[in-house]
Each structure stands twice: as C-alpha cells, then as structure tokens.
Amino acid sequence: MPFESDKVMFEIYRDTRYGGRYHVVYFTELQDHNKECEINRAMAGEHFYDGFIRNYRKELAKEVINSLLERLNNGEPLTPEDVEQALKPYSA
C-alpha cells in the first residue's frame, strides 16, 4: 500500500483573471513561502482537472502535464478525460 508521501496532488486550472491561460499547481510540493498565494490563485481559477501522480517518475508525468498545458493554451479542445488518459501510466 503506497504512503501519502509517495504521490503528488495537483490541479490543472484556467486562470480567469489574466488571459484565460491554463496552469498547474502541485499542492503537495508547495513550500510555506508560496503555499497561500498558489492555492488562492488556483481557487480563483476555473477547475479543469485534478488528481495524483506517483512520486516515482513524477518528472516524466510533469512533462506530460506541461505538454497538455501547452496544447490547451494553444486552443486545442482537450477534455478532462483526455488528460486522464494521458496521465494513466503515472497516476497514483
């Protein structure tokens, strides 16, 4: 059974205040100095997708997430199901 520390909680959201771009926040990696600001920014945005990725190979998962963000920000009509499918190998 995996420990809580073996996974990273994240959310992909659309910033509704500044240009409508998509962003990601990795909640379990936030530090005290940026935690409140990043959480507030995500909460003010429009939720798109959230989940957990395994800590093992998380850098590969983050590359996939960055690629998805780029596609979304370029106007590609992705759905949360598309994101889930792309992240399936990394999901916790």
N, C-alpha and C. Protein backbone atom coordinates (compact mmCIF):
# COMPACT_ATOMS: atom_id res chain seq x y z
N MET A 1 0.84 -1.18 0.00
CA MET A 1 0.00 0.00 0.00
C MET A 1 0.89 1.24 0.00
N PRO A 2 0.70 2.16 -0.97
CA PRO A 2 1.54 3.35 -1.04
C PRO A 2 1.25 4.32 0.10
N PHE A 3 2.31 4.99 0.54
CA PHE A 3 2.17 6.02 1.55
C PHE A 3 1.71 7.31 0.89
N GLU A 4 1.12 8.21 1.70
CA GLU A 4 0.70 9.51 1.20
C GLU A 4 1.87 10.25 0.56
N SER A 5 3.06 10.09 1.10
CA SER A 5 4.23 10.80 0.58
C SER A 5 4.70 10.23 -0.75
N ASP A 6 4.13 9.12 -1.18
CA ASP A 6 4.52 8.50 -2.44
C ASP A 6 3.76 9.06 -3.64
N LYS A 7 2.95 10.09 -3.41
CA LYS A 7 2.19 10.67 -4.51
C LYS A 7 2.14 12.19 -4.37
N VAL A 8 1.87 12.83 -5.51
CA VAL A 8 1.83 14.28 -5.59
C VAL A 8 0.43 14.69 -6.03
N MET A 9 -0.21 15.54 -5.24
CA MET A 9 -1.56 16.04 -5.56
C MET A 9 -1.41 17.29 -6.43
N PHE A 10 -2.19 17.36 -7.50
CA PHE A 10 -2.10 18.51 -8.40
C PHE A 10 -3.47 18.90 -8.91
N GLU A 11 -3.52 20.10 -9.47
CA GLU A 11 -4.74 20.58 -10.14
C GLU A 11 -4.34 21.38 -11.37
N ILE A 12 -5.07 21.15 -12.45
CA ILE A 12 -4.96 21.97 -13.64
C ILE A 12 -6.17 22.89 -13.64
N TYR A 13 -5.93 24.18 -13.79
CA TYR A 13 -7.00 25.16 -13.76
C TYR A 13 -6.77 26.23 -14.82
N ARG A 14 -7.84 26.92 -15.17
CA ARG A 14 -7.76 28.03 -16.12
C ARG A 14 -7.85 29.32 -15.34
N ASP A 15 -6.87 30.18 -15.53
CA ASP A 15 -6.85 31.47 -14.86
C ASP A 15 -7.86 32.38 -15.54
N THR A 16 -8.91 32.72 -14.84
CA THR A 16 -9.99 33.52 -15.43
C THR A 16 -9.73 35.01 -15.34
N ARG A 17 -8.68 35.41 -14.63
CA ARG A 17 -8.41 36.83 -14.46
C ARG A 17 -7.41 37.38 -15.48
N TYR A 18 -6.42 36.59 -15.84
CA TYR A 18 -5.33 37.10 -16.67
C TYR A 18 -5.17 36.29 -17.95
N GLY A 19 -6.02 36.52 -18.91
CA GLY A 19 -5.85 35.92 -20.22
C GLY A 19 -6.40 34.53 -20.43
N GLY A 20 -6.92 33.89 -19.40
CA GLY A 20 -7.54 32.59 -19.57
C GLY A 20 -6.59 31.44 -19.85
N ARG A 21 -5.33 31.58 -19.45
CA ARG A 21 -4.36 30.51 -19.68
C ARG A 21 -4.52 29.41 -18.64
N TYR A 22 -4.14 28.21 -19.03
CA TYR A 22 -4.19 27.05 -18.13
C TYR A 22 -2.87 26.95 -17.37
N HIS A 23 -2.98 26.56 -16.11
CA HIS A 23 -1.82 26.41 -15.23
C HIS A 23 -1.99 25.13 -14.42
N VAL A 24 -0.90 24.72 -13.79
CA VAL A 24 -0.94 23.58 -12.87
C VAL A 24 -0.34 24.02 -11.55
N VAL A 25 -0.88 23.47 -10.48
CA VAL A 25 -0.30 23.67 -9.16
C VAL A 25 -0.14 22.28 -8.54
N TYR A 26 1.05 22.03 -8.00
CA TYR A 26 1.36 20.77 -7.32
C TYR A 26 1.25 21.05 -5.83
N PHE A 27 0.09 20.79 -5.27
CA PHE A 27 -0.21 21.16 -3.89
C PHE A 27 0.76 20.57 -2.88
N THR A 28 1.11 19.31 -3.04
CA THR A 28 1.96 18.65 -2.05
C THR A 28 3.42 19.06 -2.16
N GLU A 29 3.77 19.87 -3.14
CA GLU A 29 5.15 20.35 -3.28
C GLU A 29 5.29 21.82 -2.91
N LEU A 30 4.21 22.44 -2.47
CA LEU A 30 4.28 23.86 -2.11
C LEU A 30 5.06 24.03 -0.81
N GLN A 31 5.76 25.13 -0.73
CA GLN A 31 6.50 25.49 0.48
C GLN A 31 5.73 26.55 1.23
N ASP A 32 6.10 26.80 2.46
CA ASP A 32 5.39 27.79 3.28
C ASP A 32 5.37 29.17 2.64
N HIS A 33 6.45 29.54 1.94
CA HIS A 33 6.53 30.89 1.38
C HIS A 33 5.61 31.11 0.19
N ASN A 34 5.19 30.06 -0.49
CA ASN A 34 4.33 30.24 -1.67
C ASN A 34 2.99 29.51 -1.58
N LYS A 35 2.77 28.82 -0.50
CA LYS A 35 1.57 27.98 -0.37
C LYS A 35 0.28 28.78 -0.49
N GLU A 36 0.13 29.81 0.30
CA GLU A 36 -1.11 30.57 0.32
C GLU A 36 -1.39 31.24 -1.02
N CYS A 37 -0.37 31.84 -1.61
CA CYS A 37 -0.53 32.52 -2.90
C CYS A 37 -0.96 31.55 -4.00
N GLU A 38 -0.29 30.43 -4.10
CA GLU A 38 -0.59 29.45 -5.16
C GLU A 38 -1.97 28.82 -4.98
N ILE A 39 -2.32 28.52 -3.75
CA ILE A 39 -3.65 27.94 -3.50
C ILE A 39 -4.73 28.95 -3.83
N ASN A 40 -4.54 30.20 -3.44
CA ASN A 40 -5.52 31.24 -3.74
C ASN A 40 -5.67 31.44 -5.24
N ARG A 41 -4.57 31.41 -5.96
CA ARG A 41 -4.61 31.56 -7.41
C ARG A 41 -5.40 30.43 -8.05
N ALA A 42 -5.15 29.21 -7.60
CA ALA A 42 -5.86 28.05 -8.14
C ALA A 42 -7.36 28.11 -7.80
N MET A 43 -7.67 28.51 -6.57
CA MET A 43 -9.07 28.58 -6.15
C MET A 43 -9.84 29.67 -6.91
N ALA A 44 -9.15 30.72 -7.32
CA ALA A 44 -9.80 31.80 -8.08
C ALA A 44 -10.01 31.40 -9.53
N GLY A 45 -9.29 30.39 -9.99
CA GLY A 45 -9.41 29.96 -11.37
C GLY A 45 -10.56 28.98 -11.57
N GLU A 46 -10.69 28.55 -12.82
CA GLU A 46 -11.73 27.60 -13.19
C GLU A 46 -11.13 26.20 -13.21
N HIS A 47 -11.64 25.33 -12.36
CA HIS A 47 -11.12 23.96 -12.25
C HIS A 47 -11.26 23.23 -13.58
N PHE A 48 -10.20 22.50 -13.96
CA PHE A 48 -10.27 21.69 -15.17
C PHE A 48 -10.05 20.21 -14.85
N TYR A 49 -9.01 19.91 -14.05
CA TYR A 49 -8.70 18.52 -13.73
C TYR A 49 -7.84 18.48 -12.48
N ASP A 50 -8.04 17.47 -11.65
CA ASP A 50 -7.15 17.27 -10.51
C ASP A 50 -6.92 15.79 -10.30
N GLY A 51 -5.86 15.50 -9.60
CA GLY A 51 -5.55 14.10 -9.35
C GLY A 51 -4.24 13.95 -8.62
N PHE A 52 -3.73 12.73 -8.65
CA PHE A 52 -2.47 12.38 -8.01
C PHE A 52 -1.58 11.69 -9.02
N ILE A 53 -0.31 12.03 -8.98
CA ILE A 53 0.68 11.29 -9.75
C ILE A 53 1.62 10.62 -8.76
N ARG A 54 2.18 9.50 -9.17
CA ARG A 54 3.13 8.79 -8.31
C ARG A 54 4.42 9.59 -8.20
N ASN A 55 5.01 9.57 -7.04
CA ASN A 55 6.28 10.26 -6.82
C ASN A 55 7.36 9.64 -7.71
N TYR A 56 7.28 8.32 -7.89
CA TYR A 56 8.20 7.61 -8.76
C TYR A 56 7.92 8.04 -10.21
N ARG A 57 8.91 8.56 -10.88
CA ARG A 57 8.81 9.06 -12.26
C ARG A 57 7.92 10.29 -12.39
N LYS A 58 7.84 11.08 -11.33
CA LYS A 58 6.98 12.26 -11.37
C LYS A 58 7.48 13.28 -12.38
N GLU A 59 8.77 13.31 -12.66
CA GLU A 59 9.29 14.27 -13.65
C GLU A 59 8.75 13.96 -15.04
N LEU A 60 8.61 12.68 -15.35
CA LEU A 60 8.01 12.30 -16.64
C LEU A 60 6.53 12.72 -16.69
N ALA A 61 5.83 12.52 -15.57
CA ALA A 61 4.43 12.94 -15.50
C ALA A 61 4.31 14.45 -15.66
N LYS A 62 5.21 15.19 -15.05
CA LYS A 62 5.17 16.65 -15.16
C LYS A 62 5.44 17.10 -16.61
N GLU A 63 6.27 16.38 -17.33
CA GLU A 63 6.50 16.68 -18.74
C GLU A 63 5.20 16.49 -19.53
N VAL A 64 4.48 15.42 -19.23
CA VAL A 64 3.20 15.16 -19.90
C VAL A 64 2.21 16.28 -19.56
N ILE A 65 2.16 16.67 -18.29
CA ILE A 65 1.25 17.75 -17.88
C ILE A 65 1.61 19.05 -18.58
N ASN A 66 2.90 19.37 -18.65
CA ASN A 66 3.32 20.59 -19.34
C ASN A 66 2.95 20.56 -20.81
N SER A 67 3.07 19.40 -21.43
CA SER A 67 2.67 19.25 -22.83
C SER A 67 1.16 19.47 -22.99
N LEU A 68 0.38 18.92 -22.06
CA LEU A 68 -1.07 19.12 -22.10
C LEU A 68 -1.43 20.59 -21.91
N LEU A 69 -0.73 21.27 -20.99
CA LEU A 69 -0.98 22.70 -20.78
C LEU A 69 -0.69 23.50 -22.04
N GLU A 70 0.41 23.15 -22.70
CA GLU A 70 0.76 23.85 -23.94
C GLU A 70 -0.32 23.65 -24.99
N ARG A 71 -0.81 22.44 -25.11
CA ARG A 71 -1.87 22.16 -26.08
C ARG A 71 -3.14 22.93 -25.74
N LEU A 72 -3.51 22.93 -24.45
CA LEU A 72 -4.70 23.68 -24.02
C LEU A 72 -4.53 25.17 -24.29
N ASN A 73 -3.37 25.70 -23.96
CA ASN A 73 -3.13 27.13 -24.15
C ASN A 73 -3.01 27.53 -25.61
N ASN A 74 -2.78 26.55 -26.48
CA ASN A 74 -2.77 26.81 -27.92
C ASN A 74 -4.15 26.62 -28.54
N GLY A 75 -5.15 26.36 -27.69
CA GLY A 75 -6.52 26.28 -28.18
C GLY A 75 -7.02 24.90 -28.54
N GLU A 76 -6.23 23.88 -28.29
CA GLU A 76 -6.68 22.53 -28.61
C GLU A 76 -7.80 22.13 -27.65
N PRO A 77 -8.89 21.61 -28.17
CA PRO A 77 -10.04 21.29 -27.32
C PRO A 77 -9.89 19.95 -26.60
N LEU A 78 -9.09 19.92 -25.55
CA LEU A 78 -8.91 18.70 -24.76
C LEU A 78 -9.98 18.62 -23.68
N THR A 79 -10.33 17.43 -23.29
CA THR A 79 -11.30 17.20 -22.22
C THR A 79 -10.56 16.66 -21.00
N PRO A 80 -11.18 16.71 -19.83
CA PRO A 80 -10.56 16.08 -18.66
C PRO A 80 -10.29 14.59 -18.89
N GLU A 81 -11.11 13.93 -19.68
CA GLU A 81 -10.89 12.52 -19.99
C GLU A 81 -9.61 12.33 -20.80
N ASP A 82 -9.29 13.29 -21.69
CA ASP A 82 -8.05 13.23 -22.45
C ASP A 82 -6.85 13.33 -21.51
N VAL A 83 -6.95 14.21 -20.52
CA VAL A 83 -5.88 14.38 -19.54
C VAL A 83 -5.71 13.10 -18.73
N GLU A 84 -6.82 12.55 -18.29
CA GLU A 84 -6.78 11.31 -17.50
C GLU A 84 -6.12 10.18 -18.29
N GLN A 85 -6.45 10.07 -19.55
CA GLN A 85 -5.87 9.02 -20.39
C GLN A 85 -4.37 9.23 -20.55
N ALA A 86 -3.94 10.47 -20.78
CA ALA A 86 -2.52 10.76 -20.97
C ALA A 86 -1.71 10.50 -19.71
N LEU A 87 -2.33 10.69 -18.55
CA LEU A 87 -1.63 10.52 -17.27
C LEU A 87 -1.80 9.15 -16.65
N LYS A 88 -2.55 8.29 -17.30
CA LYS A 88 -2.82 6.96 -16.74
C LYS A 88 -1.56 6.21 -16.30
N PRO A 89 -0.47 6.22 -17.07
CA PRO A 89 0.73 5.48 -16.63
C PRO A 89 1.39 6.07 -15.37
N TYR A 90 1.05 7.28 -15.01
CA TYR A 90 1.69 7.96 -13.88
C TYR A 90 0.76 8.17 -12.70
N SER A 91 -0.50 7.84 -12.84
CA SER A 91 -1.49 8.11 -11.80
C SER A 91 -1.27 7.24 -10.58
N ALA A 92 -1.52 7.85 -9.43
CA ALA A 92 -1.37 7.12 -8.17
C ALA A 92 -2.69 6.50 -7.77
